[in-house]
């Protein structure tokens, strides 16, 4: 189990924040989420490995619109 920083600057709207909340609650590998002094970063207590965390974190952010 490790602590990781989750960058959430993409979650600006109420809908995006709601989506993020459900994704955090729905992930069995997330054991805790803690605010940081920065509004665009959360600290996440994650049971999976580093690669798994970054794979999961990348899946949260929406794809950029071209």
N, C-alpha and C. Protein backbone atom coordinates (compact mmCIF):
# COMPACT_ATOMS: atom_id res chain seq x y z
N UNK A 1 0.85 -1.16 0.00
CA UNK A 1 0.00 0.00 0.00
C UNK A 1 0.90 1.23 0.00
N UNK A 2 0.53 2.22 -0.83
CA UNK A 2 1.35 3.42 -0.97
C UNK A 2 0.48 4.65 -1.14
N UNK A 3 1.09 5.81 -0.88
CA UNK A 3 0.43 7.09 -1.13
C UNK A 3 0.91 7.64 -2.46
N UNK A 4 -0.04 8.12 -3.26
CA UNK A 4 0.28 8.71 -4.56
C UNK A 4 -0.46 10.03 -4.70
N UNK A 5 0.09 10.92 -5.51
CA UNK A 5 -0.59 12.18 -5.84
C UNK A 5 -1.43 11.96 -7.08
N UNK A 6 -2.69 12.35 -6.99
CA UNK A 6 -3.60 12.27 -8.12
C UNK A 6 -3.90 13.68 -8.60
N UNK A 7 -3.49 13.99 -9.80
CA UNK A 7 -3.72 15.31 -10.38
C UNK A 7 -5.14 15.37 -10.93
N UNK A 8 -5.93 16.31 -10.42
CA UNK A 8 -7.34 16.39 -10.79
C UNK A 8 -7.71 17.75 -11.37
N UNK A 9 -6.74 18.44 -11.94
CA UNK A 9 -7.00 19.75 -12.51
C UNK A 9 -8.03 19.72 -13.63
N UNK A 10 -8.20 18.57 -14.24
CA UNK A 10 -9.18 18.42 -15.32
C UNK A 10 -10.62 18.42 -14.80
N UNK A 11 -10.82 18.14 -13.51
CA UNK A 11 -12.18 18.04 -12.93
C UNK A 11 -12.63 19.42 -12.44
N UNK A 12 -13.08 20.24 -13.36
CA UNK A 12 -13.45 21.62 -13.03
C UNK A 12 -14.95 21.81 -12.84
N UNK A 13 -15.76 21.05 -13.56
CA UNK A 13 -17.21 21.23 -13.47
C UNK A 13 -17.79 20.33 -12.37
N UNK A 14 -19.02 20.62 -11.99
CA UNK A 14 -19.70 19.80 -10.99
C UNK A 14 -19.83 18.36 -11.49
N UNK A 15 -20.15 18.18 -12.75
CA UNK A 15 -20.28 16.84 -13.32
C UNK A 15 -18.97 16.07 -13.29
N UNK A 16 -17.88 16.75 -13.62
CA UNK A 16 -16.57 16.10 -13.59
C UNK A 16 -16.16 15.72 -12.17
N UNK A 17 -16.47 16.58 -11.21
CA UNK A 17 -16.17 16.28 -9.81
C UNK A 17 -17.01 15.09 -9.32
N UNK A 18 -18.27 15.04 -9.74
CA UNK A 18 -19.15 13.93 -9.38
C UNK A 18 -18.61 12.63 -9.97
N UNK A 19 -18.22 12.67 -11.24
CA UNK A 19 -17.64 11.50 -11.89
C UNK A 19 -16.39 11.04 -11.14
N UNK A 20 -15.52 11.97 -10.77
CA UNK A 20 -14.30 11.64 -10.05
C UNK A 20 -14.63 11.00 -8.71
N UNK A 21 -15.58 11.54 -8.00
CA UNK A 21 -15.98 10.98 -6.70
C UNK A 21 -16.42 9.53 -6.85
N UNK A 22 -17.26 9.25 -7.86
CA UNK A 22 -17.74 7.88 -8.06
C UNK A 22 -16.61 6.95 -8.47
N UNK A 23 -15.68 7.42 -9.25
CA UNK A 23 -14.54 6.58 -9.64
C UNK A 23 -13.65 6.27 -8.43
N UNK A 24 -13.47 7.24 -7.56
CA UNK A 24 -12.68 7.02 -6.34
C UNK A 24 -13.38 6.02 -5.42
N UNK A 25 -14.69 6.18 -5.27
CA UNK A 25 -15.45 5.26 -4.41
C UNK A 25 -15.54 3.86 -5.00
N UNK A 26 -15.55 3.77 -6.33
CA UNK A 26 -15.74 2.49 -7.00
C UNK A 26 -14.48 1.67 -7.18
N UNK A 27 -13.32 2.23 -6.91
CA UNK A 27 -12.07 1.51 -7.11
C UNK A 27 -11.70 0.76 -5.83
N UNK A 28 -11.66 -0.56 -5.90
CA UNK A 28 -11.34 -1.39 -4.72
C UNK A 28 -9.92 -1.17 -4.22
N UNK A 29 -9.05 -0.65 -5.06
CA UNK A 29 -7.66 -0.43 -4.67
C UNK A 29 -7.43 0.89 -3.95
N UNK A 30 -8.44 1.76 -3.94
CA UNK A 30 -8.35 3.04 -3.23
C UNK A 30 -8.87 2.84 -1.81
N UNK A 31 -8.00 3.03 -0.83
CA UNK A 31 -8.39 2.86 0.57
C UNK A 31 -8.65 4.19 1.26
N UNK A 32 -8.15 5.27 0.71
CA UNK A 32 -8.36 6.58 1.31
C UNK A 32 -7.98 7.67 0.34
N UNK A 33 -8.64 8.82 0.50
CA UNK A 33 -8.36 10.00 -0.32
C UNK A 33 -8.27 11.19 0.61
N UNK A 34 -7.21 11.97 0.44
CA UNK A 34 -6.95 13.08 1.35
C UNK A 34 -6.68 14.35 0.54
N UNK A 35 -7.25 15.47 0.98
CA UNK A 35 -6.97 16.74 0.30
C UNK A 35 -5.53 17.18 0.56
N UNK A 36 -5.05 18.02 -0.31
CA UNK A 36 -3.73 18.63 -0.15
C UNK A 36 -3.92 20.14 -0.17
N UNK A 37 -2.90 20.91 0.14
CA UNK A 37 -3.03 22.36 0.05
C UNK A 37 -3.33 22.85 -1.37
N UNK A 38 -2.98 22.04 -2.36
CA UNK A 38 -3.26 22.40 -3.76
C UNK A 38 -4.62 21.85 -4.16
N UNK A 39 -5.44 22.70 -4.75
CA UNK A 39 -6.79 22.29 -5.14
C UNK A 39 -6.81 21.28 -6.28
N UNK A 40 -5.73 21.19 -7.04
CA UNK A 40 -5.71 20.30 -8.20
C UNK A 40 -5.02 18.96 -7.93
N UNK A 41 -4.75 18.65 -6.66
CA UNK A 41 -4.08 17.39 -6.31
C UNK A 41 -4.74 16.78 -5.08
N UNK A 42 -5.00 15.47 -5.15
CA UNK A 42 -5.43 14.69 -4.01
C UNK A 42 -4.35 13.67 -3.69
N UNK A 43 -4.23 13.28 -2.44
CA UNK A 43 -3.35 12.18 -2.06
C UNK A 43 -4.23 10.95 -1.94
N UNK A 44 -3.80 9.86 -2.58
CA UNK A 44 -4.60 8.64 -2.62
C UNK A 44 -3.80 7.49 -1.98
N UNK A 45 -4.43 6.80 -1.03
CA UNK A 45 -3.86 5.59 -0.45
C UNK A 45 -4.32 4.44 -1.33
N UNK A 46 -3.36 3.80 -2.00
CA UNK A 46 -3.67 2.85 -3.08
C UNK A 46 -2.97 1.53 -2.79
N UNK A 47 -3.70 0.42 -2.91
CA UNK A 47 -3.14 -0.89 -2.59
C UNK A 47 -2.39 -1.53 -3.75
N UNK A 48 -2.66 -1.10 -4.97
CA UNK A 48 -1.95 -1.65 -6.12
C UNK A 48 -0.57 -1.05 -6.26
N UNK A 49 0.18 -1.54 -7.20
CA UNK A 49 1.52 -1.03 -7.45
C UNK A 49 1.51 0.30 -8.19
N UNK A 50 2.71 0.85 -8.35
CA UNK A 50 2.88 2.15 -9.00
C UNK A 50 2.33 2.14 -10.44
N UNK A 51 2.68 1.12 -11.20
CA UNK A 51 2.21 1.06 -12.59
C UNK A 51 0.69 0.98 -12.65
N UNK A 52 0.11 0.18 -11.77
CA UNK A 52 -1.35 0.06 -11.74
C UNK A 52 -1.99 1.40 -11.37
N UNK A 53 -1.42 2.15 -10.41
CA UNK A 53 -1.97 3.44 -10.03
C UNK A 53 -1.97 4.40 -11.21
N UNK A 54 -0.83 4.49 -11.90
CA UNK A 54 -0.75 5.44 -13.01
C UNK A 54 -1.65 5.04 -14.16
N UNK A 55 -1.81 3.75 -14.38
CA UNK A 55 -2.76 3.27 -15.41
C UNK A 55 -4.18 3.68 -15.02
N UNK A 56 -4.55 3.47 -13.77
CA UNK A 56 -5.88 3.83 -13.29
C UNK A 56 -6.08 5.35 -13.35
N UNK A 57 -5.09 6.12 -12.90
CA UNK A 57 -5.20 7.58 -12.89
C UNK A 57 -5.38 8.13 -14.31
N UNK A 58 -4.64 7.57 -15.28
CA UNK A 58 -4.78 8.02 -16.67
C UNK A 58 -6.18 7.72 -17.21
N UNK A 59 -6.79 6.65 -16.74
CA UNK A 59 -8.12 6.29 -17.23
C UNK A 59 -9.21 7.25 -16.72
N UNK A 60 -8.92 8.02 -15.69
CA UNK A 60 -9.91 8.94 -15.13
C UNK A 60 -10.11 10.20 -15.98
N UNK A 61 -9.02 10.78 -16.40
CA UNK A 61 -9.09 12.06 -17.12
C UNK A 61 -9.71 11.86 -18.49
N UNK A 62 -10.58 12.77 -18.89
CA UNK A 62 -11.19 12.66 -20.22
C UNK A 62 -10.16 12.87 -21.32
N UNK A 63 -10.44 12.27 -22.45
CA UNK A 63 -9.57 12.45 -23.63
C UNK A 63 -9.67 13.89 -24.11
N UNK A 64 -8.55 14.49 -24.48
CA UNK A 64 -8.60 15.86 -25.02
C UNK A 64 -9.37 15.89 -26.34
N UNK A 65 -10.13 16.94 -26.52
CA UNK A 65 -10.92 17.11 -27.74
C UNK A 65 -10.03 17.77 -28.79
N UNK A 66 -9.96 17.17 -29.96
CA UNK A 66 -9.10 17.71 -31.02
C UNK A 66 -9.83 18.71 -31.88
